[in-house]
Amino acid sequence: MYAASREAMSAARASLQAELSSTTDGTGAAQIGADLFLVVDVLTAERSLRGLLSDPSAEQSARERLADTVFGERVGAGAQKVLRSAVNQQWSSARDLVDSIELLGREALLVSADQQGRLALVEDELFRLGRIVAGNPELEIALTDRTADPERKRQLISRLLYGKVSSVTEALATQGVGRLSGPPAALFDTLSNMAAERRDQAVAHVRSATPMTELQQQNLVDSLSRLYDRRVTVHVEVDPTLLSGVVVRVGDEVIDGSGAGRLASVRKSIG
């Protein structure tokens, strides 16, 4: 985002936080999140509307009245206040407005999970979902098909998740695949990382040649937490192609302690 959109996002987020401060049981935050997702769906489908609501040459009051007219009876008071704040800002592009409202909807749902004591569960479910999709080429192709109706993609992921994950995980995943712009696994990793960041934790994605015991995982958590001077949450997947050891990724940093990695290093030095 350019500076104008970053400042606009900051103001809109402050409005969201003010609305969420009055919610405690997760229900209100979840409703705000769902309502903001509805706004995103409408704006994604209506190019002229999102253009009007983000038009810097239009008066703020005109943009606010338009938002009230279109969404006043479709979303709750909390989401409407957040939307008014958003359209009152100066955005660099209409896309920035829509993407920011989407992000605020995700944040509201994560607050809902946090208030219900289920944030760690949501984080883990989203990570696992990413691994499931990455390991299922047919599902990945279906979700990334640009010619497919976004609603069909949502129905597909909803059927896959129904009754198996928390309501927040299902809502985040279902909404996300409808506006997918890259690999599904990357989307779910992003959402999982957002949950971890809300818990004030860094995320380590670990590939292990063999299943790790609870003690091994705890020792790894302790070591990484000391290394990064921050509590680290670890997500582990088994990858026999590593031969032995583990590969740890924290953000853009990769620590390769695998047998395959050492073998590759030897081959490179010989070559």
C-alpha atoms as a PDB file:
ATOM      1  CA  MET A   1       0.000   0.000   0.000  1.00  0.00           C
ATOM      2  CA  TYR A   2       1.027   3.599  -0.607  1.00  0.00           C
ATOM      3  CA  ALA A   3       1.197   6.015   2.313  1.00  0.00           C
ATOM      4  CA  ALA A   4      -2.359   7.303   1.841  1.00  0.00           C
ATOM      5  CA  SER A   5      -3.835   3.818   2.096  1.00  0.00           C
ATOM      6  CA  ARG A   6      -1.665   2.935   5.087  1.00  0.00           C
ATOM      7  CA  GLU A   7      -2.951   5.984   6.930  1.00  0.00           C
ATOM      8  CA  ALA A   8      -6.519   5.171   5.887  1.00  0.00           C
ATOM      9  CA  MET A   9      -6.112   1.599   7.097  1.00  0.00           C
ATOM     10  CA  SER A  10      -4.801   2.812  10.444  1.00  0.00           C
ATOM     11  CA  ALA A  11      -7.870   5.016  10.934  1.00  0.00           C
ATOM     12  CA  ALA A  12     -10.268   2.235   9.905  1.00  0.00           C
ATOM     13  CA  ARG A  13      -8.535  -0.214  12.234  1.00  0.00           C
ATOM     14  CA  ALA A  14      -8.884   2.244  15.122  1.00  0.00           C
ATOM     15  CA  SER A  15     -12.623   2.339  14.430  1.00  0.00           C
ATOM     16  CA  LEU A  16     -12.777  -1.465  14.435  1.00  0.00           C
ATOM     17  CA  GLN A  17     -10.876  -1.671  17.711  1.00  0.00           C
ATOM     18  CA  ALA A  18     -13.285   0.809  19.286  1.00  0.00           C
ATOM     19  CA  GLU A  19     -16.228  -1.372  18.261  1.00  0.00           C
ATOM     20  CA  LEU A  20     -14.546  -4.575  19.418  1.00  0.00           C
ATOM     21  CA  SER A  21     -13.706  -3.072  22.810  1.00  0.00           C
ATOM     22  CA  SER A  22     -17.361  -3.344  23.787  1.00  0.00           C
ATOM     23  CA  THR A  23     -17.594  -7.060  22.904  1.00  0.00           C
ATOM     24  CA  THR A  24     -16.566  -9.786  25.307  1.00  0.00           C
ATOM     25  CA  ASP A  25     -18.105 -13.156  24.471  1.00  0.00           C
ATOM     26  CA  GLY A  26     -16.988 -13.459  20.858  1.00  0.00           C
ATOM     27  CA  THR A  27     -20.471 -13.165  19.381  1.00  0.00           C
ATOM     28  CA  GLY A  28     -20.337  -9.443  18.621  1.00  0.00           C
ATOM     29  CA  ALA A  29     -16.864  -9.623  17.101  1.00  0.00           C
ATOM     30  CA  ALA A  30     -17.875 -12.588  14.944  1.00  0.00           C
ATOM     31  CA  GLN A  31     -20.900 -10.672  13.663  1.00  0.00           C
ATOM     32  CA  ILE A  32     -18.793  -7.642  12.771  1.00  0.00           C
ATOM     33  CA  GLY A  33     -16.370  -9.907  10.921  1.00  0.00           C
ATOM     34  CA  ALA A  34     -19.154 -11.640   8.998  1.00  0.00           C
ATOM     35  CA  ASP A  35     -20.741  -8.292   8.113  1.00  0.00           C
ATOM     36  CA  LEU A  36     -17.451  -6.874   6.844  1.00  0.00           C
ATOM     37  CA  PHE A  37     -17.014  -9.969   4.681  1.00  0.00           C
ATOM     38  CA  LEU A  38     -20.458  -9.301   3.204  1.00  0.00           C
ATOM     39  CA  VAL A  39     -19.319  -5.771   2.358  1.00  0.00           C
ATOM     40  CA  VAL A  40     -16.220  -7.191   0.668  1.00  0.00           C
ATOM     41  CA  ASP A  41     -18.315  -9.562  -1.441  1.00  0.00           C
ATOM     42  CA  VAL A  42     -20.563  -6.753  -2.633  1.00  0.00           C
ATOM     43  CA  LEU A  43     -17.674  -4.413  -3.425  1.00  0.00           C
ATOM     44  CA  THR A  44     -15.775  -7.180  -5.218  1.00  0.00           C
ATOM     45  CA  ALA A  45     -18.784  -7.787  -7.465  1.00  0.00           C
ATOM     46  CA  GLU A  46     -19.695  -4.113  -7.983  1.00  0.00           C
ATOM     47  CA  ARG A  47     -16.798  -2.279  -9.599  1.00  0.00           C
ATOM     48  CA  SER A  48     -18.635   1.031  -9.925  1.00  0.00           C
ATOM     49  CA  LEU A  49     -19.676   0.989  -6.272  1.00  0.00           C
ATOM     50  CA  ARG A  50     -16.186   0.417  -4.934  1.00  0.00           C
ATOM     51  CA  GLY A  51     -14.968   3.167  -7.240  1.00  0.00           C
ATOM     52  CA  LEU A  52     -17.519   5.618  -5.876  1.00  0.00           C
ATOM     53  CA  LEU A  53     -16.790   4.742  -2.254  1.00  0.00           C
ATOM     54  CA  SER A  54     -13.057   5.276  -2.731  1.00  0.00           C
ATOM     55  CA  ASP A  55     -13.270   8.309  -5.049  1.00  0.00           C
ATOM     56  CA  PRO A  56     -10.972  10.958  -3.510  1.00  0.00           C
ATOM     57  CA  SER A  57     -12.714  13.717  -5.477  1.00  0.00           C
ATOM     58  CA  ALA A  58     -16.091  12.996  -3.872  1.00  0.00           C
ATOM     59  CA  GLU A  59     -17.074  14.605  -0.586  1.00  0.00           C
ATOM     60  CA  GLN A  60     -16.710  12.430   2.490  1.00  0.00           C
ATOM     61  CA  SER A  61     -20.346  12.969   3.408  1.00  0.00           C
ATOM     62  CA  ALA A  62     -21.431  11.753  -0.045  1.00  0.00           C
ATOM     63  CA  ARG A  63     -19.370   8.572   0.267  1.00  0.00           C
ATOM     64  CA  GLU A  64     -20.761   7.972   3.750  1.00  0.00           C
ATOM     65  CA  ARG A  65     -24.367   8.459   2.603  1.00  0.00           C
ATOM     66  CA  LEU A  66     -23.801   6.015  -0.238  1.00  0.00           C
ATOM     67  CA  ALA A  67     -22.396   3.420   2.163  1.00  0.00           C
ATOM     68  CA  ASP A  68     -25.392   3.899   4.454  1.00  0.00           C
ATOM     69  CA  THR A  69     -27.818   3.554   1.553  1.00  0.00           C
ATOM     70  CA  VAL A  70     -26.262   0.351   0.218  1.00  0.00           C
ATOM     71  CA  PHE A  71     -25.357  -1.394   3.467  1.00  0.00           C
ATOM     72  CA  GLY A  72     -27.427   0.284   6.195  1.00  0.00           C
ATOM     73  CA  GLU A  73     -30.021  -2.496   6.313  1.00  0.00           C
ATOM     74  CA  ARG A  74     -27.640  -5.313   5.423  1.00  0.00           C
ATOM     75  CA  VAL A  75     -25.024  -5.120   8.184  1.00  0.00           C
ATOM     76  CA  GLY A  76     -25.077  -4.431  11.896  1.00  0.00           C
ATOM     77  CA  ALA A  77     -24.304  -1.133  13.567  1.00  0.00           C
ATOM     78  CA  GLY A  78     -20.748  -2.110  14.481  1.00  0.00           C
ATOM     79  CA  ALA A  79     -19.706  -3.030  10.952  1.00  0.00           C
ATOM     80  CA  GLN A  80     -21.510   0.012   9.574  1.00  0.00           C
ATOM     81  CA  LYS A  81     -19.466   2.316  11.807  1.00  0.00           C
ATOM     82  CA  VAL A  82     -16.259   0.664  10.633  1.00  0.00           C
ATOM     83  CA  LEU A  83     -17.367   0.989   7.011  1.00  0.00           C
ATOM     84  CA  ARG A  84     -18.193   4.666   7.463  1.00  0.00           C
ATOM     85  CA  SER A  85     -14.754   5.255   8.895  1.00  0.00           C
ATOM     86  CA  ALA A  86     -13.178   3.413   5.964  1.00  0.00           C
ATOM     87  CA  VAL A  87     -15.010   5.321   3.225  1.00  0.00           C
ATOM     88  CA  ASN A  88     -14.251   8.623   4.952  1.00  0.00           C
ATOM     89  CA  GLN A  89     -10.531   8.040   4.371  1.00  0.00           C
ATOM     90  CA  GLN A  90      -8.391   8.800   1.334  1.00  0.00           C
ATOM     91  CA  TRP A  91      -7.346   5.548  -0.372  1.00  0.00           C
ATOM     92  CA  SER A  92      -4.686   5.147  -3.040  1.00  0.00           C
ATOM     93  CA  SER A  93      -6.955   2.764  -4.947  1.00  0.00           C
ATOM     94  CA  ALA A  94     -10.351   1.102  -4.753  1.00  0.00           C
ATOM     95  CA  ARG A  95      -8.598  -2.253  -4.359  1.00  0.00           C
ATOM     96  CA  ASP A  96      -6.839  -1.025  -1.226  1.00  0.00           C
ATOM     97  CA  LEU A  97     -10.213  -0.132   0.279  1.00  0.00           C
ATOM     98  CA  VAL A  98     -11.656  -3.587  -0.401  1.00  0.00           C
ATOM     99  CA  ASP A  99      -8.528  -5.468   0.704  1.00  0.00           C
ATOM    100  CA  SER A 100      -8.402  -3.455   3.926  1.00  0.00           C
ATOM    101  CA  ILE A 101     -12.039  -4.146   4.785  1.00  0.00           C
ATOM    102  CA  GLU A 102     -11.313  -7.825   4.179  1.00  0.00           C
ATOM    103  CA  LEU A 103      -8.335  -7.669   6.534  1.00  0.00           C
ATOM    104  CA  LEU A 104     -10.432  -5.941   9.201  1.00  0.00           C
ATOM    105  CA  GLY A 105     -13.046  -8.671   8.869  1.00  0.00           C
ATOM    106  CA  ARG A 106     -10.369 -11.289   9.463  1.00  0.00           C
ATOM    107  CA  GLU A 107      -9.074  -9.403  12.486  1.00  0.00           C
ATOM    108  CA  ALA A 108     -12.586  -9.196  13.940  1.00  0.00           C
ATOM    109  CA  LEU A 109     -13.043 -12.952  13.604  1.00  0.00           C
ATOM    110  CA  LEU A 110      -9.685 -13.631  15.243  1.00  0.00           C
ATOM    111  CA  VAL A 111     -10.711 -11.373  18.127  1.00  0.00           C
ATOM    112  CA  SER A 112     -13.870 -13.461  18.370  1.00  0.00           C
ATOM    113  CA  ALA A 113     -11.787 -16.643  18.621  1.00  0.00           C
ATOM    114  CA  ASP A 114      -9.530 -14.996  21.200  1.00  0.00           C
ATOM    115  CA  GLN A 115     -12.494 -13.959  23.341  1.00  0.00           C
ATOM    116  CA  GLN A 116     -13.748 -17.539  23.248  1.00  0.00           C
ATOM    117  CA  GLY A 117     -10.354 -18.949  24.198  1.00  0.00           C
ATOM    118  CA  ARG A 118     -10.024 -20.708  20.834  1.00  0.00           C
ATOM    119  CA  LEU A 119      -7.351 -18.673  19.108  1.00  0.00           C
ATOM    120  CA  ALA A 120      -4.642 -21.347  19.426  1.00  0.00           C
ATOM    121  CA  LEU A 121      -7.065 -23.912  18.014  1.00  0.00           C
ATOM    122  CA  VAL A 122      -7.889 -21.686  15.040  1.00  0.00           C
ATOM    123  CA  GLU A 123      -4.193 -21.117  14.382  1.00  0.00           C
ATOM    124  CA  ASP A 124      -3.501 -24.858  14.323  1.00  0.00           C
ATOM    125  CA  GLU A 125      -6.577 -25.682  12.231  1.00  0.00           C
ATOM    126  CA  LEU A 126      -5.617 -23.167   9.563  1.00  0.00           C
ATOM    127  CA  PHE A 127      -2.071 -24.511   9.426  1.00  0.00           C
ATOM    128  CA  ARG A 128      -3.345 -28.089   9.097  1.00  0.00           C
ATOM    129  CA  LEU A 129      -5.758 -27.017   6.395  1.00  0.00           C
ATOM    130  CA  GLY A 130      -2.879 -25.547   4.424  1.00  0.00           C
ATOM    131  CA  ARG A 131      -1.018 -28.832   4.608  1.00  0.00           C
ATOM    132  CA  ILE A 132      -4.108 -30.798   3.532  1.00  0.00           C
ATOM    133  CA  VAL A 133      -4.623 -28.617   0.488  1.00  0.00           C
ATOM    134  CA  ALA A 134      -0.928 -28.640  -0.420  1.00  0.00           C
ATOM    135  CA  GLY A 135      -0.996 -32.444  -0.291  1.00  0.00           C
ATOM    136  CA  ASN A 136      -4.094 -32.768  -2.468  1.00  0.00           C
ATOM    137  CA  PRO A 137      -3.342 -31.622  -6.050  1.00  0.00           C
ATOM    138  CA  GLU A 138      -6.937 -32.043  -7.234  1.00  0.00           C
ATOM    139  CA  LEU A 139      -8.271 -29.870  -4.422  1.00  0.00           C
ATOM    140  CA  GLU A 140      -5.568 -27.275  -4.994  1.00  0.00           C
ATOM    141  CA  ILE A 141      -6.382 -27.098  -8.709  1.00  0.00           C
ATOM    142  CA  ALA A 142     -10.100 -26.732  -7.974  1.00  0.00           C
ATOM    143  CA  LEU A 143      -9.461 -23.849  -5.577  1.00  0.00           C
ATOM    144  CA  THR A 144      -7.046 -22.017  -7.880  1.00  0.00           C
ATOM    145  CA  ASP A 145      -9.130 -22.374 -11.060  1.00  0.00           C
ATOM    146  CA  ARG A 146      -9.677 -18.767 -12.169  1.00  0.00           C
ATOM    147  CA  THR A 147     -12.554 -19.758 -14.434  1.00  0.00           C
ATOM    148  CA  ALA A 148     -14.517 -21.343 -11.587  1.00  0.00           C
ATOM    149  CA  ASP A 149     -17.307 -19.482  -9.791  1.00  0.00           C
ATOM    150  CA  PRO A 150     -15.938 -18.184  -6.442  1.00  0.00           C
ATOM    151  CA  GLU A 151     -19.137 -19.325  -4.742  1.00  0.00           C
ATOM    152  CA  ARG A 152     -18.523 -22.898  -5.894  1.00  0.00           C
ATOM    153  CA  LYS A 153     -15.036 -22.749  -4.371  1.00  0.00           C
ATOM    154  CA  ARG A 154     -16.545 -21.598  -1.107  1.00  0.00           C
ATOM    155  CA  GLN A 155     -19.091 -24.377  -1.151  1.00  0.00           C
ATOM    156  CA  LEU A 156     -16.311 -26.880  -1.803  1.00  0.00           C
ATOM    157  CA  ILE A 157     -14.194 -25.767   1.151  1.00  0.00           C
ATOM    158  CA  SER A 158     -17.275 -25.431   3.350  1.00  0.00           C
ATOM    159  CA  ARG A 159     -18.271 -29.047   2.661  1.00  0.00           C
ATOM    160  CA  LEU A 160     -14.734 -30.142   3.432  1.00  0.00           C
ATOM    161  CA  LEU A 161     -14.645 -28.316   6.770  1.00  0.00           C
ATOM    162  CA  TYR A 162     -18.236 -28.566   8.013  1.00  0.00           C
ATOM    163  CA  GLY A 163     -18.332 -30.057  11.493  1.00  0.00           C
ATOM    164  CA  LYS A 164     -14.578 -30.643  11.552  1.00  0.00           C
ATOM    165  CA  VAL A 165     -13.202 -27.239  12.544  1.00  0.00           C
ATOM    166  CA  SER A 166     -14.251 -24.247  14.620  1.00  0.00           C
ATOM    167  CA  SER A 167     -16.737 -21.771  13.173  1.00  0.00           C
ATOM    168  CA  VAL A 168     -14.065 -19.057  12.964  1.00  0.00           C
ATOM    169  CA  THR A 169     -11.707 -21.283  10.985  1.00  0.00           C
ATOM    170  CA  GLU A 170     -14.503 -22.222   8.610  1.00  0.00           C
ATOM    171  CA  ALA A 171     -15.535 -18.583   8.137  1.00  0.00           C
ATOM    172  CA  LEU A 172     -11.976 -17.401   7.472  1.00  0.00           C
ATOM    173  CA  ALA A 173     -11.198 -20.225   5.061  1.00  0.00           C
ATOM    174  CA  THR A 174     -14.494 -20.030   3.192  1.00  0.00           C
ATOM    175  CA  GLN A 175     -14.265 -16.284   2.687  1.00  0.00           C
ATOM    176  CA  GLY A 176     -10.595 -16.438   1.720  1.00  0.00           C
ATOM    177  CA  VAL A 177     -10.945 -18.940  -1.103  1.00  0.00           C
ATOM    178  CA  GLY A 178     -13.608 -16.749  -2.695  1.00  0.00           C
ATOM    179  CA  ARG A 179     -10.993 -14.030  -3.326  1.00  0.00           C
ATOM    180  CA  LEU A 180      -7.994 -16.284  -3.765  1.00  0.00           C
ATOM    181  CA  SER A 181      -5.100 -14.653  -5.623  1.00  0.00           C
ATOM    182  CA  GLY A 182      -2.351 -17.220  -4.999  1.00  0.00           C
ATOM    183  CA  PRO A 183      -1.726 -20.726  -3.677  1.00  0.00           C
ATOM    184  CA  PRO A 184      -4.400 -21.815  -1.156  1.00  0.00           C
ATOM    185  CA  ALA A 185      -1.766 -23.109   1.266  1.00  0.00           C
ATOM    186  CA  ALA A 186      -0.176 -19.641   1.338  1.00  0.00           C
ATOM    187  CA  LEU A 187      -3.550 -18.106   2.208  1.00  0.00           C
ATOM    188  CA  PHE A 188      -4.092 -20.499   5.096  1.00  0.00           C
ATOM    189  CA  ASP A 189      -0.526 -19.973   6.329  1.00  0.00           C
ATOM    190  CA  THR A 190      -1.117 -16.215   6.280  1.00  0.00           C
ATOM    191  CA  LEU A 191      -4.292 -16.595   8.317  1.00  0.00           C
ATOM    192  CA  SER A 192      -2.571 -18.970  10.731  1.00  0.00           C
ATOM    193  CA  ASN A 193       0.287 -16.484  11.153  1.00  0.00           C
ATOM    194  CA  MET A 194      -2.226 -13.710  11.873  1.00  0.00           C
ATOM    195  CA  ALA A 195      -3.629 -15.818  14.703  1.00  0.00           C
ATOM    196  CA  ALA A 196      -0.133 -16.459  16.054  1.00  0.00           C
ATOM    197  CA  GLU A 197       0.764 -12.774  15.914  1.00  0.00           C
ATOM    198  CA  ARG A 198      -2.357 -11.951  17.875  1.00  0.00           C
ATOM    199  CA  ARG A 199      -1.077 -14.368  20.507  1.00  0.00           C
ATOM    200  CA  ASP A 200       2.220 -12.422  20.341  1.00  0.00           C
ATOM    201  CA  GLN A 201       4.073 -15.438  19.023  1.00  0.00           C
ATOM    202  CA  ALA A 202       6.329 -16.075  16.064  1.00  0.00           C
ATOM    203  CA  VAL A 203       5.547 -19.072  13.872  1.00  0.00           C
ATOM    204  CA  ALA A 204       8.030 -21.799  12.969  1.00  0.00           C
ATOM    205  CA  HIS A 205       7.073 -24.112  10.127  1.00  0.00           C
ATOM    206  CA  VAL A 206       8.970 -27.329  10.692  1.00  0.00           C
ATOM    207  CA  ARG A 207       9.456 -30.216   8.298  1.00  0.00           C
ATOM    208  CA  SER A 208      10.765 -33.320  10.030  1.00  0.00           C
ATOM    209  CA  ALA A 209      12.014 -36.526   8.448  1.00  0.00           C
ATOM    210  CA  THR A 210      10.202 -38.518  11.142  1.00  0.00           C
ATOM    211  CA  PRO A 211       7.387 -37.760  13.581  1.00  0.00           C
ATOM    212  CA  MET A 212       8.589 -35.677  16.523  1.00  0.00           C
ATOM    213  CA  THR A 213       7.785 -36.587  20.101  1.00  0.00           C
ATOM    214  CA  GLU A 214       6.201 -34.039  22.423  1.00  0.00           C
ATOM    215  CA  LEU A 215       9.528 -33.686  24.229  1.00  0.00           C
ATOM    216  CA  GLN A 216      11.369 -33.038  20.964  1.00  0.00           C
ATOM    217  CA  GLN A 217       8.832 -30.425  19.961  1.00  0.00           C
ATOM    218  CA  GLN A 218       9.073 -28.720  23.348  1.00  0.00           C
ATOM    219  CA  ASN A 219      12.873 -28.671  23.175  1.00  0.00           C
ATOM    220  CA  LEU A 220      12.638 -27.137  19.709  1.00  0.00           C
ATOM    221  CA  VAL A 221      10.168 -24.502  20.946  1.00  0.00           C
ATOM    222  CA  ASP A 222      12.496 -23.608  23.816  1.00  0.00           C
ATOM    223  CA  SER A 223      15.543 -23.357  21.538  1.00  0.00           C
ATOM    224  CA  LEU A 224      13.778 -21.219  18.933  1.00  0.00           C
ATOM    225  CA  SER A 225      12.254 -18.967  21.585  1.00  0.00           C
ATOM    226  CA  ARG A 226      15.735 -18.278  22.967  1.00  0.00           C
ATOM    227  CA  LEU A 227      17.128 -17.750  19.473  1.00  0.00           C
ATOM    228  CA  TYR A 228      14.444 -15.232  18.448  1.00  0.00           C
ATOM    229  CA  ASP A 229      13.953 -13.748  21.916  1.00  0.00           C
ATOM    230  CA  ARG A 230      10.226 -14.296  21.529  1.00  0.00           C
ATOM    231  CA  ARG A 231       7.792 -17.084  22.203  1.00  0.00           C
ATOM    232  CA  VAL A 232       7.603 -19.346  19.150  1.00  0.00           C
ATOM    233  CA  THR A 233       4.773 -21.642  18.186  1.00  0.00           C
ATOM    234  CA  VAL A 234       5.786 -24.686  16.138  1.00  0.00           C
ATOM    235  CA  HIS A 235       3.815 -26.368  13.353  1.00  0.00           C
ATOM    236  CA  VAL A 236       5.286 -29.713  12.320  1.00  0.00           C
ATOM    237  CA  GLU A 237       4.745 -31.792   9.199  1.00  0.00           C
ATOM    238  CA  VAL A 238       6.502 -35.035   8.351  1.00  0.00           C
ATOM    239  CA  ASP A 239       8.568 -35.096   5.154  1.00  0.00           C
ATOM    240  CA  PRO A 240      10.460 -38.389   4.646  1.00  0.00           C
ATOM    241  CA  THR A 241      12.349 -36.933   1.675  1.00  0.00           C
ATOM    242  CA  LEU A 242      14.523 -35.044   4.175  1.00  0.00           C
ATOM    243  CA  LEU A 243      16.147 -38.394   5.078  1.00  0.00           C
ATOM    244  CA  SER A 244      16.908 -37.192   8.619  1.00  0.00           C
ATOM    245  CA  GLY A 245      16.738 -34.102  10.802  1.00  0.00           C
ATOM    246  CA  VAL A 246      14.499 -31.060  10.332  1.00  0.00           C
ATOM    247  CA  VAL A 247      14.080 -27.901   8.270  1.00  0.00           C
ATOM    248  CA  VAL A 248      12.781 -24.885  10.188  1.00  0.00           C
ATOM    249  CA  ARG A 249      11.326 -21.788   8.537  1.00  0.00           C
ATOM    250  CA  VAL A 250      10.577 -18.664  10.576  1.00  0.00           C
ATOM    251  CA  GLY A 251       9.446 -15.873   8.298  1.00  0.00           C
ATOM    252  CA  ASP A 252      12.016 -15.601   5.495  1.00  0.00           C
ATOM    253  CA  GLU A 253      14.751 -17.343   7.484  1.00  0.00           C
ATOM    254  CA  VAL A 254      15.380 -21.057   6.912  1.00  0.00           C
ATOM    255  CA  ILE A 255      17.451 -23.323   9.159  1.00  0.00           C
ATOM    256  CA  ASP A 256      18.251 -26.541   7.300  1.00  0.00           C
ATOM    257  CA  GLY A 257      19.429 -29.296   9.618  1.00  0.00           C
ATOM    258  CA  SER A 258      18.210 -32.146   7.429  1.00  0.00           C
ATOM    259  CA  GLY A 259      20.154 -35.030   5.953  1.00  0.00           C
ATOM    260  CA  ALA A 260      18.997 -34.009   2.492  1.00  0.00           C
ATOM    261  CA  GLY A 261      20.260 -30.493   3.093  1.00  0.00           C
ATOM    262  CA  ARG A 262      23.662 -31.685   4.239  1.00  0.00           C
ATOM    263  CA  LEU A 263      23.887 -34.025   1.259  1.00  0.00           C
ATOM    264  CA  ALA A 264      23.036 -31.174  -1.104  1.00  0.00           C
ATOM    265  CA  SER A 265      25.778 -29.054   0.505  1.00  0.00           C
ATOM    266  CA  VAL A 266      28.314 -31.842   0.017  1.00  0.00           C
ATOM    267  CA  ARG A 267      27.333 -32.274  -3.611  1.00  0.00           C
ATOM    268  CA  LYS A 268      27.608 -28.518  -4.171  1.00  0.00           C
ATOM    269  CA  SER A 269      31.077 -28.357  -2.605  1.00  0.00           C
ATOM    270  CA  ILE A 270      32.260 -31.303  -4.689  1.00  0.00           C
ATOM    271  CA  GLY A 271      30.781 -29.921  -7.902  1.00  0.00           C
END
